[in-house]
Amino acid sequence: MAVKVRELTPSQTLSVPCPTCGAAIREVCELHSGAPRTEPHRDRKLTAADAIEAKLRERNRLPPSQAVLPAIVKM
């Protein structure tokens, strides 16, 4: 299952440090002038998507009795 960058929530994007500007986890990205950016850098979004995919792959490797799967509720 591939995580698309446009499907990331702001908290998921901010869950990784920014490789472009060096913003720490839970900090917004900065412009070269030091002002906050209105949107995270593209590399940060891609890094966050990769981290989420890796976490999902690791979770799916666990035996079914140990895996914690999200509940799906149909209405």
PDB file of N, CA and C in Angstrom:
ATOM      1  N   MET A   1       0.845  -1.184   0.000  1.00  0.00           N
ATOM      2  CA  MET A   1       0.000   0.000   0.000  1.00  0.00           C
ATOM      3  C   MET A   1       0.884   1.239   0.000  1.00  0.00           C
ATOM      4  N   ALA A   2       0.745   2.078  -0.979  1.00  0.00           N
ATOM      5  CA  ALA A   2       1.540   3.285  -1.073  1.00  0.00           C
ATOM      6  C   ALA A   2       0.793   4.458  -0.454  1.00  0.00           C
ATOM      7  N   VAL A   3       1.520   5.239   0.339  1.00  0.00           N
ATOM      8  CA  VAL A   3       0.946   6.439   0.935  1.00  0.00           C
ATOM      9  C   VAL A   3       1.223   7.593  -0.019  1.00  0.00           C
ATOM     10  N   LYS A   4       0.183   8.281  -0.413  1.00  0.00           N
ATOM     11  CA  LYS A   4       0.350   9.413  -1.318  1.00  0.00           C
ATOM     12  C   LYS A   4       0.617  10.667  -0.498  1.00  0.00           C
ATOM     13  N   VAL A   5       1.513  11.490  -0.985  1.00  0.00           N
ATOM     14  CA  VAL A   5       1.911  12.697  -0.273  1.00  0.00           C
ATOM     15  C   VAL A   5       0.720  13.598  -0.010  1.00  0.00           C
ATOM     16  N   ARG A   6      -0.198  13.693  -0.945  1.00  0.00           N
ATOM     17  CA  ARG A   6      -1.335  14.595  -0.754  1.00  0.00           C
ATOM     18  C   ARG A   6      -2.328  14.066   0.275  1.00  0.00           C
ATOM     19  N   GLU A   7      -2.198  12.795   0.676  1.00  0.00           N
ATOM     20  CA  GLU A   7      -3.083  12.223   1.681  1.00  0.00           C
ATOM     21  C   GLU A   7      -2.564  12.408   3.106  1.00  0.00           C
ATOM     22  N   LEU A   8      -1.368  12.953   3.272  1.00  0.00           N
ATOM     23  CA  LEU A   8      -0.789  13.128   4.601  1.00  0.00           C
ATOM     24  C   LEU A   8      -1.487  14.242   5.366  1.00  0.00           C
ATOM     25  N   THR A   9      -1.673  14.018   6.649  1.00  0.00           N
ATOM     26  CA  THR A   9      -2.203  15.071   7.508  1.00  0.00           C
ATOM     27  C   THR A   9      -1.045  15.968   7.937  1.00  0.00           C
ATOM     28  N   PRO A  10      -1.326  17.178   8.395  1.00  0.00           N
ATOM     29  CA  PRO A  10      -0.238  18.041   8.867  1.00  0.00           C
ATOM     30  C   PRO A  10       0.582  17.396   9.998  1.00  0.00           C
ATOM     31  N   SER A  11      -0.071  16.674  10.896  1.00  0.00           N
ATOM     32  CA  SER A  11       0.676  16.053  11.991  1.00  0.00           C
ATOM     33  C   SER A  11       1.577  14.932  11.477  1.00  0.00           C
ATOM     34  N   GLN A  12       1.157  14.216  10.437  1.00  0.00           N
ATOM     35  CA  GLN A  12       2.014  13.181   9.855  1.00  0.00           C
ATOM     36  C   GLN A  12       3.227  13.811   9.177  1.00  0.00           C
ATOM     37  N   THR A  13       3.018  14.909   8.480  1.00  0.00           N
ATOM     38  CA  THR A  13       4.125  15.584   7.814  1.00  0.00           C
ATOM     39  C   THR A  13       5.133  16.123   8.831  1.00  0.00           C
ATOM     40  N   LEU A  14       4.636  16.651   9.940  1.00  0.00           N
ATOM     41  CA  LEU A  14       5.525  17.212  10.953  1.00  0.00           C
ATOM     42  C   LEU A  14       6.121  16.151  11.878  1.00  0.00           C
ATOM     43  N   SER A  15       5.831  14.873  11.616  1.00  0.00           N
ATOM     44  CA  SER A  15       6.356  13.805  12.473  1.00  0.00           C
ATOM     45  C   SER A  15       7.787  13.420  12.130  1.00  0.00           C
ATOM     46  N   VAL A  16       8.349  14.029  11.090  1.00  0.00           N
ATOM     47  CA  VAL A  16       9.739  13.777  10.704  1.00  0.00           C
ATOM     48  C   VAL A  16      10.467  15.116  10.599  1.00  0.00           C
ATOM     49  N   PRO A  17      11.786  15.130  10.834  1.00  0.00           N
ATOM     50  CA  PRO A  17      12.529  16.378  10.646  1.00  0.00           C
ATOM     51  C   PRO A  17      12.644  16.713   9.158  1.00  0.00           C
ATOM     52  N   CYS A  18      12.775  17.989   8.859  1.00  0.00           N
ATOM     53  CA  CYS A  18      12.875  18.419   7.463  1.00  0.00           C
ATOM     54  C   CYS A  18      14.327  18.304   6.981  1.00  0.00           C
ATOM     55  N   PRO A  19      14.563  17.529   5.920  1.00  0.00           N
ATOM     56  CA  PRO A  19      15.920  17.411   5.406  1.00  0.00           C
ATOM     57  C   PRO A  19      16.393  18.654   4.651  1.00  0.00           C
ATOM     58  N   THR A  20      15.466  19.521   4.262  1.00  0.00           N
ATOM     59  CA  THR A  20      15.826  20.710   3.488  1.00  0.00           C
ATOM     60  C   THR A  20      16.260  21.872   4.373  1.00  0.00           C
ATOM     61  N   CYS A  21      15.420  22.239   5.341  1.00  0.00           N
ATOM     62  CA  CYS A  21      15.727  23.412   6.168  1.00  0.00           C
ATOM     63  C   CYS A  21      16.198  23.041   7.570  1.00  0.00           C
ATOM     64  N   GLY A  22      16.086  21.757   7.933  1.00  0.00           N
ATOM     65  CA  GLY A  22      16.543  21.325   9.243  1.00  0.00           C
ATOM     66  C   GLY A  22      15.550  21.539  10.362  1.00  0.00           C
ATOM     67  N   ALA A  23      14.296  21.840  10.043  1.00  0.00           N
ATOM     68  CA  ALA A  23      13.274  22.018  11.080  1.00  0.00           C
ATOM     69  C   ALA A  23      13.101  20.701  11.829  1.00  0.00           C
ATOM     70  N   ALA A  24      13.001  20.790  13.129  1.00  0.00           N
ATOM     71  CA  ALA A  24      12.861  19.601  13.968  1.00  0.00           C
ATOM     72  C   ALA A  24      11.445  19.043  13.874  1.00  0.00           C
ATOM     73  N   ILE A  25      11.258  17.878  14.466  1.00  0.00           N
ATOM     74  CA  ILE A  25       9.939  17.264  14.529  1.00  0.00           C
ATOM     75  C   ILE A  25       8.981  18.228  15.231  1.00  0.00           C
ATOM     76  N   ARG A  26       7.779  18.348  14.719  1.00  0.00           N
ATOM     77  CA  ARG A  26       6.712  19.230  15.217  1.00  0.00           C
ATOM     78  C   ARG A  26       7.019  20.722  15.035  1.00  0.00           C
ATOM     79  N   GLU A  27       8.043  21.073  14.287  1.00  0.00           N
ATOM     80  CA  GLU A  27       8.316  22.486  13.977  1.00  0.00           C
ATOM     81  C   GLU A  27       8.028  22.707  12.493  1.00  0.00           C
ATOM     82  N   VAL A  28       7.503  23.891  12.167  1.00  0.00           N
ATOM     83  CA  VAL A  28       7.202  24.198  10.770  1.00  0.00           C
ATOM     84  C   VAL A  28       8.486  24.504  10.009  1.00  0.00           C
ATOM     85  N   CYS A  29       8.449  24.274   8.716  1.00  0.00           N
ATOM     86  CA  CYS A  29       9.597  24.563   7.855  1.00  0.00           C
ATOM     87  C   CYS A  29       9.798  26.080   7.752  1.00  0.00           C
ATOM     88  N   GLU A  30      11.019  26.463   7.415  1.00  0.00           N
ATOM     89  CA  GLU A  30      11.356  27.880   7.317  1.00  0.00           C
ATOM     90  C   GLU A  30      11.806  28.242   5.911  1.00  0.00           C
ATOM     91  N   LEU A  31      11.575  29.497   5.557  1.00  0.00           N
ATOM     92  CA  LEU A  31      12.121  30.066   4.330  1.00  0.00           C
ATOM     93  C   LEU A  31      13.593  30.387   4.558  1.00  0.00           C
ATOM     94  N   HIS A  32      14.315  30.724   3.491  1.00  0.00           N
ATOM     95  CA  HIS A  32      15.723  31.102   3.644  1.00  0.00           C
ATOM     96  C   HIS A  32      15.886  32.319   4.549  1.00  0.00           C
ATOM     97  N   SER A  33      14.872  33.172   4.590  1.00  0.00           N
ATOM     98  CA  SER A  33      14.921  34.378   5.416  1.00  0.00           C
ATOM     99  C   SER A  33      14.678  34.075   6.895  1.00  0.00           C
ATOM    100  N   GLY A  34      14.246  32.846   7.199  1.00  0.00           N
ATOM    101  CA  GLY A  34      13.951  32.478   8.578  1.00  0.00           C
ATOM    102  C   GLY A  34      12.473  32.560   8.923  1.00  0.00           C
ATOM    103  N   ALA A  35      11.694  33.108   8.031  1.00  0.00           N
ATOM    104  CA  ALA A  35      10.246  33.190   8.261  1.00  0.00           C
ATOM    105  C   ALA A  35       9.623  31.807   8.059  1.00  0.00           C
ATOM    106  N   PRO A  36       8.527  31.513   8.751  1.00  0.00           N
ATOM    107  CA  PRO A  36       7.890  30.208   8.578  1.00  0.00           C
ATOM    108  C   PRO A  36       7.280  30.060   7.185  1.00  0.00           C
ATOM    109  N   ARG A  37       7.366  28.860   6.632  1.00  0.00           N
ATOM    110  CA  ARG A  37       6.756  28.556   5.337  1.00  0.00           C
ATOM    111  C   ARG A  37       5.276  28.256   5.547  1.00  0.00           C
ATOM    112  N   THR A  38       4.485  28.515   4.523  1.00  0.00           N
ATOM    113  CA  THR A  38       3.057  28.203   4.617  1.00  0.00           C
ATOM    114  C   THR A  38       2.812  26.716   4.401  1.00  0.00           C
ATOM    115  N   GLU A  39       3.749  26.025   3.801  1.00  0.00           N
ATOM    116  CA  GLU A  39       3.621  24.603   3.504  1.00  0.00           C
ATOM    117  C   GLU A  39       4.990  23.943   3.706  1.00  0.00           C
ATOM    118  N   PRO A  40       5.026  22.707   4.198  1.00  0.00           N
ATOM    119  CA  PRO A  40       6.312  22.024   4.376  1.00  0.00           C
ATOM    120  C   PRO A  40       7.030  21.809   3.043  1.00  0.00           C
ATOM    121  N   HIS A  41       8.358  21.646   3.112  1.00  0.00           N
ATOM    122  CA  HIS A  41       9.139  21.348   1.914  1.00  0.00           C
ATOM    123  C   HIS A  41       8.708  20.011   1.318  1.00  0.00           C
ATOM    124  N   ARG A  42       8.868  19.881   0.017  1.00  0.00           N
ATOM    125  CA  ARG A  42       8.501  18.658  -0.691  1.00  0.00           C
ATOM    126  C   ARG A  42       9.263  17.449  -0.141  1.00  0.00           C
ATOM    127  N   ASP A  43      10.560  17.621   0.129  1.00  0.00           N
ATOM    128  CA  ASP A  43      11.354  16.506   0.655  1.00  0.00           C
ATOM    129  C   ASP A  43      10.847  16.026   2.013  1.00  0.00           C
ATOM    130  N   ARG A  44      10.332  16.937   2.819  1.00  0.00           N
ATOM    131  CA  ARG A  44       9.791  16.544   4.120  1.00  0.00           C
ATOM    132  C   ARG A  44       8.531  15.707   3.937  1.00  0.00           C
ATOM    133  N   LYS A  45       7.696  16.098   2.997  1.00  0.00           N
ATOM    134  CA  LYS A  45       6.480  15.330   2.726  1.00  0.00           C
ATOM    135  C   LYS A  45       6.832  13.926   2.230  1.00  0.00           C
ATOM    136  N   LEU A  46       7.818  13.839   1.339  1.00  0.00           N
ATOM    137  CA  LEU A  46       8.228  12.540   0.817  1.00  0.00           C
ATOM    138  C   LEU A  46       8.843  11.675   1.913  1.00  0.00           C
ATOM    139  N   THR A  47       9.641  12.288   2.781  1.00  0.00           N
ATOM    140  CA  THR A  47      10.249  11.559   3.891  1.00  0.00           C
ATOM    141  C   THR A  47       9.173  11.042   4.835  1.00  0.00           C
ATOM    142  N   ALA A  48       8.162  11.861   5.114  1.00  0.00           N
ATOM    143  CA  ALA A  48       7.067  11.439   5.988  1.00  0.00           C
ATOM    144  C   ALA A  48       6.296  10.282   5.365  1.00  0.00           C
ATOM    145  N   ALA A  49       6.029  10.356   4.073  1.00  0.00           N
ATOM    146  CA  ALA A  49       5.312   9.274   3.393  1.00  0.00           C
ATOM    147  C   ALA A  49       6.121   7.982   3.449  1.00  0.00           C
ATOM    148  N   ASP A  50       7.434   8.080   3.238  1.00  0.00           N
ATOM    149  CA  ASP A  50       8.294   6.896   3.318  1.00  0.00           C
ATOM    150  C   ASP A  50       8.294   6.304   4.721  1.00  0.00           C
ATOM    151  N   ALA A  51       8.328   7.157   5.741  1.00  0.00           N
ATOM    152  CA  ALA A  51       8.336   6.677   7.128  1.00  0.00           C
ATOM    153  C   ALA A  51       7.032   5.964   7.461  1.00  0.00           C
ATOM    154  N   ILE A  52       5.913   6.494   6.985  1.00  0.00           N
ATOM    155  CA  ILE A  52       4.615   5.873   7.250  1.00  0.00           C
ATOM    156  C   ILE A  52       4.516   4.541   6.524  1.00  0.00           C
ATOM    157  N   GLU A  53       4.991   4.490   5.282  1.00  0.00           N
ATOM    158  CA  GLU A  53       4.982   3.232   4.546  1.00  0.00           C
ATOM    159  C   GLU A  53       5.834   2.187   5.245  1.00  0.00           C
ATOM    160  N   ALA A  54       7.001   2.583   5.734  1.00  0.00           N
ATOM    161  CA  ALA A  54       7.877   1.642   6.437  1.00  0.00           C
ATOM    162  C   ALA A  54       7.209   1.124   7.705  1.00  0.00           C
ATOM    163  N   LYS A  55       6.519   2.001   8.418  1.00  0.00           N
ATOM    164  CA  LYS A  55       5.817   1.584   9.632  1.00  0.00           C
ATOM    165  C   LYS A  55       4.700   0.610   9.297  1.00  0.00           C
ATOM    166  N   LEU A  56       3.963   0.866   8.220  1.00  0.00           N
ATOM    167  CA  LEU A  56       2.890  -0.037   7.811  1.00  0.00           C
ATOM    168  C   LEU A  56       3.438  -1.393   7.375  1.00  0.00           C
ATOM    169  N   ARG A  57       4.569  -1.382   6.634  1.00  0.00           N
ATOM    170  CA  ARG A  57       5.183  -2.645   6.226  1.00  0.00           C
ATOM    171  C   ARG A  57       5.629  -3.446   7.439  1.00  0.00           C
ATOM    172  N   GLU A  58       6.233  -2.782   8.413  1.00  0.00           N
ATOM    173  CA  GLU A  58       6.702  -3.466   9.619  1.00  0.00           C
ATOM    174  C   GLU A  58       5.515  -4.030  10.399  1.00  0.00           C
ATOM    175  N   ARG A  59       4.462  -3.273  10.508  1.00  0.00           N
ATOM    176  CA  ARG A  59       3.284  -3.724  11.243  1.00  0.00           C
ATOM    177  C   ARG A  59       2.651  -4.931  10.553  1.00  0.00           C
ATOM    178  N   ASN A  60       2.653  -4.944   9.232  1.00  0.00           N
ATOM    179  CA  ASN A  60       2.053  -6.047   8.489  1.00  0.00           C
ATOM    180  C   ASN A  60       2.900  -7.313   8.531  1.00  0.00           C
ATOM    181  N   ARG A  61       4.154  -7.214   8.931  1.00  0.00           N
ATOM    182  CA  ARG A  61       5.019  -8.391   9.048  1.00  0.00           C
ATOM    183  C   ARG A  61       4.778  -9.147  10.343  1.00  0.00           C
ATOM    184  N   LEU A  62       4.127  -8.523  11.318  1.00  0.00           N
ATOM    185  CA  LEU A  62       3.837  -9.192  12.579  1.00  0.00           C
ATOM    186  C   LEU A  62       2.789 -10.269  12.365  1.00  0.00           C
ATOM    187  N   PRO A  63       2.811 -11.308  13.180  1.00  0.00           N
ATOM    188  CA  PRO A  63       1.743 -12.308  13.086  1.00  0.00           C
ATOM    189  C   PRO A  63       0.385 -11.648  13.336  1.00  0.00           C
ATOM    190  N   PRO A  64      -0.691 -12.161  12.736  1.00  0.00           N
ATOM    191  CA  PRO A  64      -2.016 -11.535  12.869  1.00  0.00           C
ATOM    192  C   PRO A  64      -2.456 -11.327  14.311  1.00  0.00           C
ATOM    193  N   SER A  65      -2.058 -12.196  15.216  1.00  0.00           N
ATOM    194  CA  SER A  65      -2.471 -12.047  16.606  1.00  0.00           C
ATOM    195  C   SER A  65      -1.803 -10.852  17.273  1.00  0.00           C
ATOM    196  N   GLN A  66      -0.659 -10.390  16.747  1.00  0.00           N
ATOM    197  CA  GLN A  66       0.057  -9.276  17.356  1.00  0.00           C
ATOM    198  C   GLN A  66      -0.150  -7.967  16.614  1.00  0.00           C
ATOM    199  N   ALA A  67      -0.641  -8.020  15.406  1.00  0.00           N
ATOM    200  CA  ALA A  67      -0.803  -6.807  14.612  1.00  0.00           C
ATOM    201  C   ALA A  67      -1.973  -5.987  15.137  1.00  0.00           C
ATOM    202  N   VAL A  68      -1.776  -4.693  15.159  1.00  0.00           N
ATOM    203  CA  VAL A  68      -2.832  -3.776  15.576  1.00  0.00           C
ATOM    204  C   VAL A  68      -3.346  -3.102  14.311  1.00  0.00           C
ATOM    205  N   LEU A  69      -4.499  -3.518  13.869  1.00  0.00           N
ATOM    206  CA  LEU A  69      -5.076  -2.976  12.649  1.00  0.00           C
ATOM    207  C   LEU A  69      -6.169  -1.989  13.000  1.00  0.00           C
ATOM    208  N   PRO A  70      -6.290  -0.912  12.239  1.00  0.00           N
ATOM    209  CA  PRO A  70      -7.349   0.046  12.516  1.00  0.00           C
ATOM    210  C   PRO A  70      -8.714  -0.551  12.236  1.00  0.00           C
ATOM    211  N   ALA A  71      -9.664  -0.186  13.053  1.00  0.00           N
ATOM    212  CA  ALA A  71     -11.034  -0.674  12.871  1.00  0.00           C
ATOM    213  C   ALA A  71     -11.683   0.081  11.726  1.00  0.00           C
ATOM    214  N   ILE A  72     -12.367  -0.627  10.885  1.00  0.00           N
ATOM    215  CA  ILE A  72     -13.079  -0.004   9.770  1.00  0.00           C
ATOM    216  C   ILE A  72     -14.574  -0.106  10.068  1.00  0.00           C
ATOM    217  N   VAL A  73     -15.212   1.028  10.129  1.00  0.00           N
ATOM    218  CA  VAL A  73     -16.631   1.066  10.424  1.00  0.00           C
ATOM    219  C   VAL A  73     -17.354   1.508   9.164  1.00  0.00           C
ATOM    220  N   LYS A  74     -18.282   0.679   8.701  1.00  0.00           N
ATOM    221  CA  LYS A  74     -19.073   1.031   7.525  1.00  0.00           C
ATOM    222  C   LYS A  74     -20.428   1.511   7.981  1.00  0.00           C
ATOM    223  N   MET A  75     -20.883   2.579   7.379  1.00  0.00           N
ATOM    224  CA  MET A  75     -22.190   3.134   7.723  1.00  0.00           C
ATOM    225  C   MET A  75     -23.110   3.028   6.554  1.00  0.00           C
TER     226      MET A  75
END
